[in-house]
Amino acid sequence: MSTAHRPTWDPAQAKDVKSGSRQYSSRDMASQTKLKFRQPGQTSVGDVKKRDLRTDLLLAEHEAKNKKRKAAGQDPLPLPPALAALTSNATPVAAIENGPSEEEDPASKRQKMLQEALELDRDDDDDDAKVQDKGKGKATADDMKAREVSEGKARDLEEEIATRNPLLNLEAALGQGSKSGKPGTFAVKKRWDDDVIFKNQAVNSSDSPNGQFVNDLLRTEFHRKFMAKFIK
């Protein structure tokens, strides 16, 4: 006997679980559990403090001016005395401001900075030269392709002019071409679809008694010719 119809006097009650559910997905777990800090040489705070940003800015402006002059076909400007003094033991701030320096950098670091700036300039020049070479090569290839296309069109036009007219087609006249029906004649071979029922249906409409088109396959001119040619 089923007791599904009977009321529930003591319903199920939830338990008091303080820890909560311990089931969780692997996608909910933290993938990065450690903080990543900038390493030396990755533009950290210490690296930025050690750099002389004003000197870098002046060097970049000087290199940009020389690049523009080079593009215009002019000679590059020499380094100003303040920037030229960077290669010596004098500090950049003292050389530029002609006063006591607040922060001194080793000469090797200054030379390294200058070398890096020059190398970047050389890389830019090399990239520009490569781009120009690629552009010239592409232009040459495009010109050759266009020339080949024009030559091919001219060749096709000459061939069409020479072979379109049966009287001017020497191959058909000598019986050497595929268009000639008989050797040594000017006859042009018919196409395989010249004599079909669904081609030029209204050409012979004047042959009908009333001069109208006959829309009946058994009374068409093609059917009569076919029967006379193959059946009779």
C-alpha atoms as a PDB file:
ATOM      1  CA  MET A   1       0.000   0.000   0.000  1.00  0.00           C
ATOM      2  CA  SER A   2       1.373   3.394  -0.998  1.00  0.00           C
ATOM      3  CA  THR A   3       1.730   6.204   1.513  1.00  0.00           C
ATOM      4  CA  ALA A   4       2.399   8.956  -1.042  1.00  0.00           C
ATOM      5  CA  HIS A   5      -0.982  10.483  -0.344  1.00  0.00           C
ATOM      6  CA  ARG A   6      -0.412  10.792   3.363  1.00  0.00           C
ATOM      7  CA  PRO A   7       0.794  14.099   4.788  1.00  0.00           C
ATOM      8  CA  THR A   8       4.323  14.476   6.112  1.00  0.00           C
ATOM      9  CA  TRP A   9       4.198  15.158   9.841  1.00  0.00           C
ATOM     10  CA  ASP A  10       7.972  15.269  10.283  1.00  0.00           C
ATOM     11  CA  PRO A  11       9.484  16.959   7.186  1.00  0.00           C
ATOM     12  CA  ALA A  12      13.184  16.807   6.396  1.00  0.00           C
ATOM     13  CA  GLN A  13      15.192  19.645   7.878  1.00  0.00           C
ATOM     14  CA  ALA A  14      18.564  21.019   6.760  1.00  0.00           C
ATOM     15  CA  LYS A  15      21.573  20.588   8.976  1.00  0.00           C
ATOM     16  CA  ASP A  16      23.626  23.452  10.357  1.00  0.00           C
ATOM     17  CA  VAL A  17      26.915  23.192   8.431  1.00  0.00           C
ATOM     18  CA  LYS A  18      29.249  26.044   9.325  1.00  0.00           C
ATOM     19  CA  SER A  19      32.068  25.155   6.922  1.00  0.00           C
ATOM     20  CA  GLY A  20      29.810  25.225   3.864  1.00  0.00           C
ATOM     21  CA  SER A  21      30.218  23.163   0.744  1.00  0.00           C
ATOM     22  CA  ARG A  22      33.687  21.880  -0.001  1.00  0.00           C
ATOM     23  CA  GLN A  23      33.001  21.043  -3.626  1.00  0.00           C
ATOM     24  CA  TYR A  24      34.478  23.459  -6.154  1.00  0.00           C
ATOM     25  CA  SER A  25      35.596  23.346  -9.751  1.00  0.00           C
ATOM     26  CA  SER A  26      39.195  23.395 -10.875  1.00  0.00           C
ATOM     27  CA  ARG A  27      38.371  26.486 -12.928  1.00  0.00           C
ATOM     28  CA  ASP A  28      37.589  28.352  -9.710  1.00  0.00           C
ATOM     29  CA  MET A  29      41.083  27.775  -8.336  1.00  0.00           C
ATOM     30  CA  ALA A  30      43.621  30.582  -8.523  1.00  0.00           C
ATOM     31  CA  SER A  31      46.089  30.026 -11.340  1.00  0.00           C
ATOM     32  CA  GLN A  32      48.562  32.735 -10.284  1.00  0.00           C
ATOM     33  CA  THR A  33      49.386  32.513  -6.591  1.00  0.00           C
ATOM     34  CA  LYS A  34      52.560  34.608  -6.622  1.00  0.00           C
ATOM     35  CA  LEU A  35      53.054  38.266  -7.458  1.00  0.00           C
ATOM     36  CA  LYS A  36      55.371  39.039 -10.342  1.00  0.00           C
ATOM     37  CA  PHE A  37      57.816  41.889  -9.866  1.00  0.00           C
ATOM     38  CA  ARG A  38      59.874  43.658 -12.473  1.00  0.00           C
ATOM     39  CA  GLN A  39      63.351  42.249 -12.839  1.00  0.00           C
ATOM     40  CA  PRO A  40      66.451  44.401 -13.379  1.00  0.00           C
ATOM     41  CA  GLY A  41      66.441  45.665 -16.954  1.00  0.00           C
ATOM     42  CA  GLN A  42      62.626  45.592 -17.284  1.00  0.00           C
ATOM     43  CA  THR A  43      62.107  49.322 -16.662  1.00  0.00           C
ATOM     44  CA  SER A  44      61.721  48.915 -12.957  1.00  0.00           C
ATOM     45  CA  VAL A  45      61.572  51.836 -10.546  1.00  0.00           C
ATOM     46  CA  GLY A  46      65.286  51.560  -9.792  1.00  0.00           C
ATOM     47  CA  ASP A  47      66.189  51.502 -13.487  1.00  0.00           C
ATOM     48  CA  VAL A  48      64.094  54.596 -14.165  1.00  0.00           C
ATOM     49  CA  LYS A  49      65.716  56.435 -11.259  1.00  0.00           C
ATOM     50  CA  LYS A  50      69.184  55.622 -12.561  1.00  0.00           C
ATOM     51  CA  ARG A  51      68.431  56.898 -16.066  1.00  0.00           C
ATOM     52  CA  ASP A  52      68.931  60.499 -17.088  1.00  0.00           C
ATOM     53  CA  LEU A  53      65.639  61.107 -18.869  1.00  0.00           C
ATOM     54  CA  ARG A  54      66.562  64.622 -19.943  1.00  0.00           C
ATOM     55  CA  THR A  55      69.694  63.393 -21.684  1.00  0.00           C
ATOM     56  CA  ASP A  56      67.732  60.636 -23.387  1.00  0.00           C
ATOM     57  CA  LEU A  57      65.193  63.177 -24.617  1.00  0.00           C
ATOM     58  CA  LEU A  58      67.884  65.470 -26.029  1.00  0.00           C
ATOM     59  CA  LEU A  59      69.584  62.556 -27.769  1.00  0.00           C
ATOM     60  CA  ALA A  60      66.291  61.379 -29.257  1.00  0.00           C
ATOM     61  CA  GLU A  61      65.504  64.882 -30.548  1.00  0.00           C
ATOM     62  CA  HIS A  62      68.954  65.152 -32.096  1.00  0.00           C
ATOM     63  CA  GLU A  63      68.592  61.787 -33.819  1.00  0.00           C
ATOM     64  CA  ALA A  64      65.123  62.738 -35.112  1.00  0.00           C
ATOM     65  CA  LYS A  65      66.477  65.970 -36.601  1.00  0.00           C
ATOM     66  CA  ASN A  66      69.313  64.113 -38.311  1.00  0.00           C
ATOM     67  CA  LYS A  67      66.872  61.553 -39.713  1.00  0.00           C
ATOM     68  CA  LYS A  68      64.714  64.312 -41.216  1.00  0.00           C
ATOM     69  CA  ARG A  69      67.777  66.017 -42.707  1.00  0.00           C
ATOM     70  CA  LYS A  70      68.946  62.704 -44.159  1.00  0.00           C
ATOM     71  CA  ALA A  71      65.536  62.124 -45.741  1.00  0.00           C
ATOM     72  CA  ALA A  72      65.711  65.621 -47.257  1.00  0.00           C
ATOM     73  CA  GLY A  73      69.199  64.925 -48.657  1.00  0.00           C
ATOM     74  CA  GLN A  74      71.064  67.171 -46.217  1.00  0.00           C
ATOM     75  CA  ASP A  75      74.107  66.439 -44.097  1.00  0.00           C
ATOM     76  CA  PRO A  76      73.498  65.431 -40.456  1.00  0.00           C
ATOM     77  CA  LEU A  77      74.137  67.955 -37.722  1.00  0.00           C
ATOM     78  CA  PRO A  78      77.095  67.345 -35.389  1.00  0.00           C
ATOM     79  CA  LEU A  79      76.556  66.658 -31.723  1.00  0.00           C
ATOM     80  CA  PRO A  80      76.297  69.805 -29.591  1.00  0.00           C
ATOM     81  CA  PRO A  81      79.058  70.306 -27.020  1.00  0.00           C
ATOM     82  CA  ALA A  82      76.659  69.459 -24.216  1.00  0.00           C
ATOM     83  CA  LEU A  83      75.813  66.090 -25.774  1.00  0.00           C
ATOM     84  CA  ALA A  84      79.383  65.472 -26.900  1.00  0.00           C
ATOM     85  CA  ALA A  85      80.508  65.822 -23.296  1.00  0.00           C
ATOM     86  CA  LEU A  86      78.467  62.728 -22.423  1.00  0.00           C
ATOM     87  CA  THR A  87      81.209  60.522 -23.839  1.00  0.00           C
ATOM     88  CA  SER A  88      83.694  62.019 -21.377  1.00  0.00           C
ATOM     89  CA  ASN A  89      83.745  61.608 -17.609  1.00  0.00           C
ATOM     90  CA  ALA A  90      81.508  64.637 -17.050  1.00  0.00           C
ATOM     91  CA  THR A  91      77.998  63.915 -15.861  1.00  0.00           C
ATOM     92  CA  PRO A  92      75.073  64.655 -18.195  1.00  0.00           C
ATOM     93  CA  VAL A  93      73.412  67.139 -15.838  1.00  0.00           C
ATOM     94  CA  ALA A  94      76.627  69.110 -15.341  1.00  0.00           C
ATOM     95  CA  ALA A  95      77.358  69.116 -19.042  1.00  0.00           C
ATOM     96  CA  ILE A  96      73.903  70.349 -19.973  1.00  0.00           C
ATOM     97  CA  GLU A  97      73.184  72.776 -17.176  1.00  0.00           C
ATOM     98  CA  ASN A  98      76.846  73.798 -16.560  1.00  0.00           C
ATOM     99  CA  GLY A  99      76.289  73.443 -12.858  1.00  0.00           C
ATOM    100  CA  PRO A 100      76.808  70.986 -10.033  1.00  0.00           C
ATOM    101  CA  SER A 101      75.333  67.593 -10.736  1.00  0.00           C
ATOM    102  CA  GLU A 102      72.723  66.189  -8.417  1.00  0.00           C
ATOM    103  CA  GLU A 103      73.155  62.595  -9.578  1.00  0.00           C
ATOM    104  CA  GLU A 104      76.268  61.040 -11.087  1.00  0.00           C
ATOM    105  CA  ASP A 105      76.194  58.045 -13.426  1.00  0.00           C
ATOM    106  CA  PRO A 106      79.132  55.852 -14.447  1.00  0.00           C
ATOM    107  CA  ALA A 107      80.703  56.693 -17.783  1.00  0.00           C
ATOM    108  CA  SER A 108      80.220  53.156 -19.023  1.00  0.00           C
ATOM    109  CA  LYS A 109      76.458  53.437 -18.637  1.00  0.00           C
ATOM    110  CA  ARG A 110      76.406  56.699 -20.558  1.00  0.00           C
ATOM    111  CA  GLN A 111      78.439  55.194 -23.366  1.00  0.00           C
ATOM    112  CA  LYS A 112      76.146  52.187 -23.404  1.00  0.00           C
ATOM    113  CA  MET A 113      73.130  54.467 -23.689  1.00  0.00           C
ATOM    114  CA  LEU A 114      74.720  56.312 -26.603  1.00  0.00           C
ATOM    115  CA  GLN A 115      75.583  53.054 -28.340  1.00  0.00           C
ATOM    116  CA  GLU A 116      72.032  51.793 -27.902  1.00  0.00           C
ATOM    117  CA  ALA A 117      70.652  55.006 -29.387  1.00  0.00           C
ATOM    118  CA  LEU A 118      73.019  54.737 -32.365  1.00  0.00           C
ATOM    119  CA  GLU A 119      72.130  51.080 -32.868  1.00  0.00           C
ATOM    120  CA  LEU A 120      68.433  51.917 -32.852  1.00  0.00           C
ATOM    121  CA  ASP A 121      69.075  54.581 -35.479  1.00  0.00           C
ATOM    122  CA  ARG A 122      71.019  52.083 -37.604  1.00  0.00           C
ATOM    123  CA  ASP A 123      68.208  49.553 -37.274  1.00  0.00           C
ATOM    124  CA  ASP A 124      65.694  52.155 -38.417  1.00  0.00           C
ATOM    125  CA  ASP A 125      67.876  53.012 -41.411  1.00  0.00           C
ATOM    126  CA  ASP A 126      68.241  49.333 -42.282  1.00  0.00           C
ATOM    127  CA  ASP A 127      64.484  48.840 -42.007  1.00  0.00           C
ATOM    128  CA  ASP A 128      63.862  51.827 -44.271  1.00  0.00           C
ATOM    129  CA  ALA A 129      66.342  50.474 -46.810  1.00  0.00           C
ATOM    130  CA  LYS A 130      64.695  47.047 -46.712  1.00  0.00           C
ATOM    131  CA  VAL A 131      61.270  48.598 -47.199  1.00  0.00           C
ATOM    132  CA  GLN A 132      62.542  50.601 -50.172  1.00  0.00           C
ATOM    133  CA  ASP A 133      64.147  47.510 -51.706  1.00  0.00           C
ATOM    134  CA  LYS A 134      60.936  45.534 -51.235  1.00  0.00           C
ATOM    135  CA  GLY A 135      58.934  48.343 -52.808  1.00  0.00           C
ATOM    136  CA  LYS A 136      61.287  48.482 -55.808  1.00  0.00           C
ATOM    137  CA  GLY A 137      61.159  44.711 -56.202  1.00  0.00           C
ATOM    138  CA  LYS A 138      57.364  44.715 -56.008  1.00  0.00           C
ATOM    139  CA  ALA A 139      57.119  47.546 -58.534  1.00  0.00           C
ATOM    140  CA  THR A 140      59.459  45.684 -60.897  1.00  0.00           C
ATOM    141  CA  ALA A 141      57.442  42.485 -60.527  1.00  0.00           C
ATOM    142  CA  ASP A 142      54.195  44.386 -61.173  1.00  0.00           C
ATOM    143  CA  ASP A 143      55.682  45.993 -64.287  1.00  0.00           C
ATOM    144  CA  MET A 144      56.854  42.624 -65.596  1.00  0.00           C
ATOM    145  CA  LYS A 145      53.454  41.072 -64.918  1.00  0.00           C
ATOM    146  CA  ALA A 146      51.639  43.923 -66.662  1.00  0.00           C
ATOM    147  CA  ARG A 147      54.026  43.650 -69.619  1.00  0.00           C
ATOM    148  CA  GLU A 148      53.418  39.913 -69.884  1.00  0.00           C
ATOM    149  CA  VAL A 149      49.655  40.423 -69.751  1.00  0.00           C
ATOM    150  CA  SER A 150      49.777  43.082 -72.476  1.00  0.00           C
ATOM    151  CA  GLU A 151      52.002  40.905 -74.662  1.00  0.00           C
ATOM    152  CA  GLY A 152      49.653  37.949 -74.184  1.00  0.00           C
ATOM    153  CA  LYS A 153      46.633  40.062 -75.146  1.00  0.00           C
ATOM    154  CA  ALA A 154      48.409  41.362 -78.247  1.00  0.00           C
ATOM    155  CA  ARG A 155      49.398  37.812 -79.218  1.00  0.00           C
ATOM    156  CA  ASP A 156      45.839  36.554 -78.769  1.00  0.00           C
ATOM    157  CA  LEU A 157      44.469  39.448 -80.809  1.00  0.00           C
ATOM    158  CA  GLU A 158      46.875  38.752 -83.672  1.00  0.00           C
ATOM    159  CA  GLU A 159      46.012  35.056 -83.601  1.00  0.00           C
ATOM    160  CA  GLU A 160      42.300  35.826 -83.611  1.00  0.00           C
ATOM    161  CA  ILE A 161      42.682  38.215 -86.538  1.00  0.00           C
ATOM    162  CA  ALA A 162      44.716  35.642 -88.468  1.00  0.00           C
ATOM    163  CA  THR A 163      42.394  32.690 -87.860  1.00  0.00           C
ATOM    164  CA  ARG A 164      38.956  34.303 -87.664  1.00  0.00           C
ATOM    165  CA  ASN A 165      38.555  34.780 -91.417  1.00  0.00           C
ATOM    166  CA  PRO A 166      38.637  31.476 -93.345  1.00  0.00           C
ATOM    167  CA  LEU A 167      40.139  33.274 -96.356  1.00  0.00           C
ATOM    168  CA  LEU A 168      43.059  34.458 -94.225  1.00  0.00           C
ATOM    169  CA  ASN A 169      43.482  31.214 -92.288  1.00  0.00           C
ATOM    170  CA  LEU A 170      46.546  29.633 -93.858  1.00  0.00           C
ATOM    171  CA  GLU A 171      46.268  26.497 -91.753  1.00  0.00           C
ATOM    172  CA  ALA A 172      42.735  25.866 -93.004  1.00  0.00           C
ATOM    173  CA  ALA A 173      43.817  26.624 -96.569  1.00  0.00           C
ATOM    174  CA  LEU A 174      46.717  24.167 -96.420  1.00  0.00           C
ATOM    175  CA  GLY A 175      44.755  21.557 -94.509  1.00  0.00           C
ATOM    176  CA  GLN A 176      47.056  21.687 -91.479  1.00  0.00           C
ATOM    177  CA  GLY A 177      44.643  23.072 -88.927  1.00  0.00           C
ATOM    178  CA  SER A 178      41.876  21.435 -86.980  1.00  0.00           C
ATOM    179  CA  LYS A 179      39.296  23.832 -88.415  1.00  0.00           C
ATOM    180  CA  SER A 180      39.584  22.611 -91.997  1.00  0.00           C
ATOM    181  CA  GLY A 181      37.040  20.086 -93.210  1.00  0.00           C
ATOM    182  CA  LYS A 182      38.994  18.819 -96.239  1.00  0.00           C
ATOM    183  CA  PRO A 183      42.714  19.125 -96.931  1.00  0.00           C
ATOM    184  CA  GLY A 184      43.597  21.849 -99.380  1.00  0.00           C
ATOM    185  CA  THR A 185      40.233  23.648 -99.159  1.00  0.00           C
ATOM    186  CA  PHE A 186      38.908  26.694 -97.398  1.00  0.00           C
ATOM    187  CA  ALA A 187      35.944  24.821 -95.901  1.00  0.00           C
ATOM    188  CA  VAL A 188      35.395  25.333 -92.197  1.00  0.00           C
ATOM    189  CA  LYS A 189      34.336  22.314 -90.180  1.00  0.00           C
ATOM    190  CA  LYS A 190      30.964  22.624 -88.503  1.00  0.00           C
ATOM    191  CA  ARG A 191      30.600  22.462 -84.806  1.00  0.00           C
ATOM    192  CA  TRP A 192      28.948  19.459 -83.218  1.00  0.00           C
ATOM    193  CA  ASP A 193      26.070  21.593 -81.976  1.00  0.00           C
ATOM    194  CA  ASP A 194      25.311  23.369 -85.248  1.00  0.00           C
ATOM    195  CA  ASP A 195      22.627  20.879 -86.265  1.00  0.00           C
ATOM    196  CA  VAL A 196      20.501  20.539 -83.138  1.00  0.00           C
ATOM    197  CA  ILE A 197      16.809  21.103 -82.646  1.00  0.00           C
ATOM    198  CA  PHE A 198      17.037  23.791 -80.003  1.00  0.00           C
ATOM    199  CA  LYS A 199      19.317  26.111 -81.976  1.00  0.00           C
ATOM    200  CA  ASN A 200      17.982  28.804 -84.317  1.00  0.00           C
ATOM    201  CA  GLN A 201      14.464  27.443 -84.148  1.00  0.00           C
ATOM    202  CA  ALA A 202      12.895  30.423 -85.895  1.00  0.00           C
ATOM    203  CA  VAL A 203      15.342  30.577 -88.831  1.00  0.00           C
ATOM    204  CA  ASN A 204      13.167  28.542 -91.174  1.00  0.00           C
ATOM    205  CA  SER A 205       9.852  29.973 -90.005  1.00  0.00           C
ATOM    206  CA  SER A 206       9.316  31.406 -93.488  1.00  0.00           C
ATOM    207  CA  ASP A 207       9.097  27.840 -94.885  1.00  0.00           C
ATOM    208  CA  SER A 208       5.854  27.201 -93.028  1.00  0.00           C
ATOM    209  CA  PRO A 209       2.619  27.829 -94.914  1.00  0.00           C
ATOM    210  CA  ASN A 210       1.503  30.742 -92.773  1.00  0.00           C
ATOM    211  CA  GLY A 211       5.001  32.096 -92.113  1.00  0.00           C
ATOM    212  CA  GLN A 212       4.694  31.409 -88.406  1.00  0.00           C
ATOM    213  CA  PHE A 213       6.790  29.474 -85.942  1.00  0.00           C
ATOM    214  CA  VAL A 214       5.686  25.850 -85.502  1.00  0.00           C
ATOM    215  CA  ASN A 215       5.675  24.882 -81.855  1.00  0.00           C
ATOM    216  CA  ASP A 216       5.405  21.140 -82.490  1.00  0.00           C
ATOM    217  CA  LEU A 217       8.381  18.785 -82.432  1.00  0.00           C
ATOM    218  CA  LEU A 218       6.804  16.420 -84.974  1.00  0.00           C
ATOM    219  CA  ARG A 219       6.102  19.157 -87.533  1.00  0.00           C
ATOM    220  CA  THR A 220       9.323  21.119 -87.273  1.00  0.00           C
ATOM    221  CA  GLU A 221      11.755  21.491 -90.124  1.00  0.00           C
ATOM    222  CA  PHE A 222      14.449  19.773 -88.080  1.00  0.00           C
ATOM    223  CA  HIS A 223      12.259  16.683 -87.553  1.00  0.00           C
ATOM    224  CA  ARG A 224      11.445  16.437 -91.247  1.00  0.00           C
ATOM    225  CA  LYS A 225      15.120  16.701 -92.222  1.00  0.00           C
ATOM    226  CA  PHE A 226      16.090  14.176 -89.559  1.00  0.00           C
ATOM    227  CA  MET A 227      13.477  11.662 -90.768  1.00  0.00           C
ATOM    228  CA  ALA A 228      14.476  12.185 -94.377  1.00  0.00           C
ATOM    229  CA  LYS A 229      18.170  11.758 -93.582  1.00  0.00           C
ATOM    230  CA  PHE A 230      18.205   8.817 -91.186  1.00  0.00           C
ATOM    231  CA  ILE A 231      14.859   6.999 -91.535  1.00  0.00           C
ATOM    232  CA  LYS A 232      13.917   7.081 -95.233  1.00  0.00           C
END
